[in-house]
Amino acid sequence: MRHGLVLAMAIIWAAIARAQEPAVFQVPAPEVTGITAWLNTEPLTLADLKGKVVVLHFWTHGCINCIHNYPHMKAWHERFSEKGVTVLGVHTPEFETEKNVERIKKKAKEYDLKFPIAVDNAAKTWKAWNNGWWPCVYLIDKKGIVRYGWAGELNSKNVQGERLMRAKIEELLKEEK
């Protein structure tokens, strides 16, 4: 599976170069693992979320590009949570100072982030996903398959990533379980 994920990550970097379309995947989603703390929820697993569309968002509170994505994550949570979508933020710190769980809670409250947040201080989920970018958003279908990804800000310059990924969320919602 690791080879498939490495190949998938190569695809996402190619999408960055195109910067106009989400990367397309077809790989089983690695499980969320090694979580230090959970905010806004009891502990979750992706296996628990099968049957739902999952927006998995790697971020850290000290990253300006991540902060620029907060309004989109909040809007998707508000718009889609009652329709079978779970927005799951995976806070993976870039710097030691970003590991303080109380500070992460404070930032989540400050920015009104109400969706589930997994604090990945040891970067175990980050490594399982072979992620390499903040922010990075993956869309997982109802069967637990990673289908789309976006690395970087959703709306940067002339790119309309929020609109494109929102359309993919709507597409995945229409699919059978």
C-alpha atoms as a PDB file:
ATOM      1  CA  MET A   1       0.000   0.000   0.000  1.00  0.00           C
ATOM      2  CA  ARG A   2       2.885   2.395   0.739  1.00  0.00           C
ATOM      3  CA  HIS A   3       3.954   2.294  -2.943  1.00  0.00           C
ATOM      4  CA  GLY A   4       0.418   3.208  -3.982  1.00  0.00           C
ATOM      5  CA  LEU A   5       0.391   6.124  -1.568  1.00  0.00           C
ATOM      6  CA  VAL A   6       3.794   7.336  -2.781  1.00  0.00           C
ATOM      7  CA  LEU A   7       2.480   7.196  -6.340  1.00  0.00           C
ATOM      8  CA  ALA A   8      -0.623   9.048  -5.225  1.00  0.00           C
ATOM      9  CA  MET A   9       1.482  11.751  -3.609  1.00  0.00           C
ATOM     10  CA  ALA A  10       3.400  12.168  -6.869  1.00  0.00           C
ATOM     11  CA  ILE A  11       0.057  12.819  -8.509  1.00  0.00           C
ATOM     12  CA  ILE A  12      -0.813  15.512  -5.988  1.00  0.00           C
ATOM     13  CA  TRP A  13       2.474  17.321  -6.596  1.00  0.00           C
ATOM     14  CA  ALA A  14       1.713  17.224 -10.321  1.00  0.00           C
ATOM     15  CA  ALA A  15      -1.663  18.783  -9.519  1.00  0.00           C
ATOM     16  CA  ILE A  16       0.106  21.562  -7.649  1.00  0.00           C
ATOM     17  CA  ALA A  17       2.041  22.320 -10.805  1.00  0.00           C
ATOM     18  CA  ARG A  18      -1.222  22.487 -12.760  1.00  0.00           C
ATOM     19  CA  ALA A  19      -2.858  24.302  -9.830  1.00  0.00           C
ATOM     20  CA  GLN A  20      -6.268  24.124 -11.459  1.00  0.00           C
ATOM     21  CA  GLU A  21      -7.749  20.733 -10.604  1.00  0.00           C
ATOM     22  CA  PRO A  22      -7.783  18.472  -7.554  1.00  0.00           C
ATOM     23  CA  ALA A  23      -5.425  15.507  -7.670  1.00  0.00           C
ATOM     24  CA  VAL A  24      -7.236  12.249  -8.383  1.00  0.00           C
ATOM     25  CA  PHE A  25      -6.538   9.201  -6.209  1.00  0.00           C
ATOM     26  CA  GLN A  26      -7.891   5.690  -5.859  1.00  0.00           C
ATOM     27  CA  VAL A  27      -6.149   4.340  -2.743  1.00  0.00           C
ATOM     28  CA  PRO A  28      -7.432   3.099   0.620  1.00  0.00           C
ATOM     29  CA  ALA A  29      -7.234   5.839   3.242  1.00  0.00           C
ATOM     30  CA  PRO A  30      -4.534   5.181   5.852  1.00  0.00           C
ATOM     31  CA  GLU A  31      -5.958   5.155   9.367  1.00  0.00           C
ATOM     32  CA  VAL A  32      -5.622   8.101  11.734  1.00  0.00           C
ATOM     33  CA  THR A  33      -3.012   6.967  14.245  1.00  0.00           C
ATOM     34  CA  GLY A  34      -0.870   8.135  17.151  1.00  0.00           C
ATOM     35  CA  ILE A  35      -3.178  10.987  18.115  1.00  0.00           C
ATOM     36  CA  THR A  36      -2.076  13.035  21.140  1.00  0.00           C
ATOM     37  CA  ALA A  37      -5.493  14.585  21.829  1.00  0.00           C
ATOM     38  CA  TRP A  38      -8.919  15.007  20.274  1.00  0.00           C
ATOM     39  CA  LEU A  39     -10.779  18.312  20.176  1.00  0.00           C
ATOM     40  CA  ASN A  40     -14.506  18.780  19.545  1.00  0.00           C
ATOM     41  CA  THR A  41     -15.118  15.012  19.521  1.00  0.00           C
ATOM     42  CA  GLU A  42     -14.477  11.680  21.149  1.00  0.00           C
ATOM     43  CA  PRO A  43     -11.678   9.706  19.432  1.00  0.00           C
ATOM     44  CA  LEU A  44     -12.525   8.761  15.839  1.00  0.00           C
ATOM     45  CA  THR A  45     -11.185   6.313  13.310  1.00  0.00           C
ATOM     46  CA  LEU A  46     -11.688   6.407   9.578  1.00  0.00           C
ATOM     47  CA  ALA A  47     -13.154   2.914   9.912  1.00  0.00           C
ATOM     48  CA  ASP A  48     -15.835   4.451  12.183  1.00  0.00           C
ATOM     49  CA  LEU A  49     -16.570   7.005   9.467  1.00  0.00           C
ATOM     50  CA  LYS A  50     -17.151   4.525   6.622  1.00  0.00           C
ATOM     51  CA  GLY A  51     -20.459   5.369   5.017  1.00  0.00           C
ATOM     52  CA  LYS A  52     -19.659   9.082   5.265  1.00  0.00           C
ATOM     53  CA  VAL A  53     -17.605  11.365   3.065  1.00  0.00           C
ATOM     54  CA  VAL A  54     -14.563  12.575   4.997  1.00  0.00           C
ATOM     55  CA  VAL A  55     -12.685  15.809   4.385  1.00  0.00           C
ATOM     56  CA  LEU A  56      -9.284  15.198   5.972  1.00  0.00           C
ATOM     57  CA  HIS A  57      -7.394  18.473   6.389  1.00  0.00           C
ATOM     58  CA  PHE A  58      -3.731  18.517   7.462  1.00  0.00           C
ATOM     59  CA  TRP A  59      -2.937  21.873   9.054  1.00  0.00           C
ATOM     60  CA  THR A  60      -1.030  23.634  11.792  1.00  0.00           C
ATOM     61  CA  HIS A  61      -2.110  26.768  13.625  1.00  0.00           C
ATOM     62  CA  GLY A  62       1.093  28.673  12.852  1.00  0.00           C
ATOM     63  CA  CYS A  63       0.750  28.401   9.067  1.00  0.00           C
ATOM     64  CA  ILE A  64      -0.803  31.395   7.289  1.00  0.00           C
ATOM     65  CA  ASN A  65      -1.824  29.235   4.323  1.00  0.00           C
ATOM     66  CA  CYS A  66      -3.669  26.933   6.745  1.00  0.00           C
ATOM     67  CA  ILE A  67      -5.385  29.905   8.364  1.00  0.00           C
ATOM     68  CA  HIS A  68      -6.567  31.013   4.921  1.00  0.00           C
ATOM     69  CA  ASN A  69      -8.310  27.624   4.561  1.00  0.00           C
ATOM     70  CA  TYR A  70     -10.208  27.889   7.887  1.00  0.00           C
ATOM     71  CA  PRO A  71     -13.249  29.670   6.385  1.00  0.00           C
ATOM     72  CA  HIS A  72     -13.646  26.880   3.822  1.00  0.00           C
ATOM     73  CA  MET A  73     -13.366  24.092   6.409  1.00  0.00           C
ATOM     74  CA  LYS A  74     -15.878  25.899   8.629  1.00  0.00           C
ATOM     75  CA  ALA A  75     -18.285  26.420   5.725  1.00  0.00           C
ATOM     76  CA  TRP A  76     -18.044  22.784   4.627  1.00  0.00           C
ATOM     77  CA  HIS A  77     -18.625  21.628   8.201  1.00  0.00           C
ATOM     78  CA  GLU A  78     -21.684  23.868   8.503  1.00  0.00           C
ATOM     79  CA  ARG A  79     -23.045  23.043   5.059  1.00  0.00           C
ATOM     80  CA  PHE A  80     -22.397  19.314   4.868  1.00  0.00           C
ATOM     81  CA  SER A  81     -22.201  17.812   8.376  1.00  0.00           C
ATOM     82  CA  GLU A  82     -25.934  17.042   8.430  1.00  0.00           C
ATOM     83  CA  LYS A  83     -25.673  15.504   4.951  1.00  0.00           C
ATOM     84  CA  GLY A  84     -23.119  12.797   5.777  1.00  0.00           C
ATOM     85  CA  VAL A  85     -19.786  14.637   5.603  1.00  0.00           C
ATOM     86  CA  THR A  86     -17.239  14.752   8.409  1.00  0.00           C
ATOM     87  CA  VAL A  87     -14.575  17.438   8.270  1.00  0.00           C
ATOM     88  CA  LEU A  88     -11.604  16.076  10.226  1.00  0.00           C
ATOM     89  CA  GLY A  89      -8.745  18.436  10.931  1.00  0.00           C
ATOM     90  CA  VAL A  90      -5.406  16.762  11.581  1.00  0.00           C
ATOM     91  CA  HIS A  91      -3.222  19.296  13.382  1.00  0.00           C
ATOM     92  CA  THR A  92       0.363  18.256  12.696  1.00  0.00           C
ATOM     93  CA  PRO A  93       2.844  20.819  14.039  1.00  0.00           C
ATOM     94  CA  GLU A  94       5.712  22.081  11.955  1.00  0.00           C
ATOM     95  CA  PHE A  95       7.536  23.536  14.972  1.00  0.00           C
ATOM     96  CA  GLU A  96       7.916  22.456  18.590  1.00  0.00           C
ATOM     97  CA  THR A  97       5.968  25.523  19.748  1.00  0.00           C
ATOM     98  CA  GLU A  98       2.904  24.289  17.821  1.00  0.00           C
ATOM     99  CA  LYS A  99       2.633  21.109  19.939  1.00  0.00           C
ATOM    100  CA  ASN A 100       1.016  22.750  22.955  1.00  0.00           C
ATOM    101  CA  VAL A 101      -2.476  21.230  23.138  1.00  0.00           C
ATOM    102  CA  GLU A 102      -3.877  24.105  25.217  1.00  0.00           C
ATOM    103  CA  ARG A 103      -2.670  26.578  22.581  1.00  0.00           C
ATOM    104  CA  ILE A 104      -4.239  24.456  19.821  1.00  0.00           C
ATOM    105  CA  LYS A 105      -7.530  24.499  21.776  1.00  0.00           C
ATOM    106  CA  LYS A 106      -7.229  28.273  22.157  1.00  0.00           C
ATOM    107  CA  LYS A 107      -6.623  28.740  18.422  1.00  0.00           C
ATOM    108  CA  ALA A 108      -9.525  26.424  17.534  1.00  0.00           C
ATOM    109  CA  LYS A 109     -11.806  28.481  19.787  1.00  0.00           C
ATOM    110  CA  GLU A 110     -10.414  31.801  18.497  1.00  0.00           C
ATOM    111  CA  TYR A 111     -11.173  30.805  14.905  1.00  0.00           C
ATOM    112  CA  ASP A 112     -14.445  29.046  15.817  1.00  0.00           C
ATOM    113  CA  LEU A 113     -13.315  25.670  14.464  1.00  0.00           C
ATOM    114  CA  LYS A 114     -16.092  23.304  15.571  1.00  0.00           C
ATOM    115  CA  PHE A 115     -15.257  20.256  13.477  1.00  0.00           C
ATOM    116  CA  PRO A 116     -13.330  17.296  14.967  1.00  0.00           C
ATOM    117  CA  ILE A 117      -9.606  17.919  15.350  1.00  0.00           C
ATOM    118  CA  ALA A 118      -6.975  15.214  15.843  1.00  0.00           C
ATOM    119  CA  VAL A 119      -3.753  16.522  17.389  1.00  0.00           C
ATOM    120  CA  ASP A 120      -0.959  14.623  15.610  1.00  0.00           C
ATOM    121  CA  ASN A 121       2.039  15.857  17.638  1.00  0.00           C
ATOM    122  CA  ALA A 122       4.245  12.862  16.767  1.00  0.00           C
ATOM    123  CA  ALA A 123       3.284  13.176  13.069  1.00  0.00           C
ATOM    124  CA  LYS A 124       2.242   9.520  12.942  1.00  0.00           C
ATOM    125  CA  THR A 125      -0.849  10.192  10.841  1.00  0.00           C
ATOM    126  CA  TRP A 126       1.154  12.642   8.688  1.00  0.00           C
ATOM    127  CA  LYS A 127       3.733   9.884   8.043  1.00  0.00           C
ATOM    128  CA  ALA A 128       1.087   7.200   7.453  1.00  0.00           C
ATOM    129  CA  TRP A 129      -0.348   9.451   4.746  1.00  0.00           C
ATOM    130  CA  ASN A 130       3.124  10.308   3.431  1.00  0.00           C
ATOM    131  CA  ASN A 131       1.972  13.909   3.555  1.00  0.00           C
ATOM    132  CA  GLY A 132       4.448  16.678   2.813  1.00  0.00           C
ATOM    133  CA  TRP A 133       2.481  19.909   2.717  1.00  0.00           C
ATOM    134  CA  TRP A 134       0.559  22.327   4.944  1.00  0.00           C
ATOM    135  CA  PRO A 135      -2.285  22.708   4.306  1.00  0.00           C
ATOM    136  CA  CYS A 136      -3.362  19.606   2.468  1.00  0.00           C
ATOM    137  CA  VAL A 137      -6.947  18.440   1.986  1.00  0.00           C
ATOM    138  CA  TYR A 138      -7.999  14.917   1.051  1.00  0.00           C
ATOM    139  CA  LEU A 139     -11.512  13.730   0.195  1.00  0.00           C
ATOM    140  CA  ILE A 140     -12.343  10.180   1.237  1.00  0.00           C
ATOM    141  CA  ASP A 141     -15.396   8.459  -0.198  1.00  0.00           C
ATOM    142  CA  LYS A 142     -18.017   6.478   1.735  1.00  0.00           C
ATOM    143  CA  LYS A 143     -16.050   3.255   1.206  1.00  0.00           C
ATOM    144  CA  GLY A 144     -12.869   4.646   2.758  1.00  0.00           C
ATOM    145  CA  ILE A 145     -11.036   5.325  -0.508  1.00  0.00           C
ATOM    146  CA  VAL A 146      -9.039   8.536  -0.972  1.00  0.00           C
ATOM    147  CA  ARG A 147     -10.440  10.047  -4.151  1.00  0.00           C
ATOM    148  CA  TYR A 148      -9.213  13.648  -4.364  1.00  0.00           C
ATOM    149  CA  GLY A 149      -6.581  15.884  -2.862  1.00  0.00           C
ATOM    150  CA  TRP A 150      -5.518  19.499  -2.807  1.00  0.00           C
ATOM    151  CA  ALA A 151      -2.171  20.767  -1.521  1.00  0.00           C
ATOM    152  CA  GLY A 152      -1.881  24.384  -0.444  1.00  0.00           C
ATOM    153  CA  GLU A 153      -4.440  27.117  -0.091  1.00  0.00           C
ATOM    154  CA  LEU A 154      -7.754  26.349  -1.696  1.00  0.00           C
ATOM    155  CA  ASN A 155      -8.173  29.853  -3.114  1.00  0.00           C
ATOM    156  CA  SER A 156      -4.792  31.276  -3.925  1.00  0.00           C
ATOM    157  CA  LYS A 157      -4.324  33.797  -6.719  1.00  0.00           C
ATOM    158  CA  ASN A 158      -6.690  32.842  -9.576  1.00  0.00           C
ATOM    159  CA  VAL A 159      -7.234  29.260  -8.417  1.00  0.00           C
ATOM    160  CA  GLN A 160     -10.738  28.256  -7.323  1.00  0.00           C
ATOM    161  CA  GLY A 161      -9.874  25.206  -5.240  1.00  0.00           C
ATOM    162  CA  GLU A 162     -12.699  25.696  -2.761  1.00  0.00           C
ATOM    163  CA  ARG A 163     -15.313  25.595  -5.505  1.00  0.00           C
ATOM    164  CA  LEU A 164     -13.655  22.609  -7.197  1.00  0.00           C
ATOM    165  CA  MET A 165     -13.298  20.585  -3.987  1.00  0.00           C
ATOM    166  CA  ARG A 166     -16.826  21.500  -2.861  1.00  0.00           C
ATOM    167  CA  ALA A 167     -18.094  20.096  -6.175  1.00  0.00           C
ATOM    168  CA  LYS A 168     -16.132  16.896  -5.503  1.00  0.00           C
ATOM    169  CA  ILE A 169     -17.682  16.632  -2.026  1.00  0.00           C
ATOM    170  CA  GLU A 170     -21.129  16.941  -3.608  1.00  0.00           C
ATOM    171  CA  GLU A 171     -20.184  14.321  -6.212  1.00  0.00           C
ATOM    172  CA  LEU A 172     -19.021  11.876  -3.504  1.00  0.00           C
ATOM    173  CA  LEU A 173     -22.214  12.425  -1.506  1.00  0.00           C
ATOM    174  CA  LYS A 174     -24.271  11.220  -4.483  1.00  0.00           C
ATOM    175  CA  GLU A 175     -22.394   7.910  -4.683  1.00  0.00           C
ATOM    176  CA  GLU A 176     -23.688   4.721  -3.084  1.00  0.00           C
ATOM    177  CA  LYS A 177     -22.217   3.510   0.184  1.00  0.00           C
END
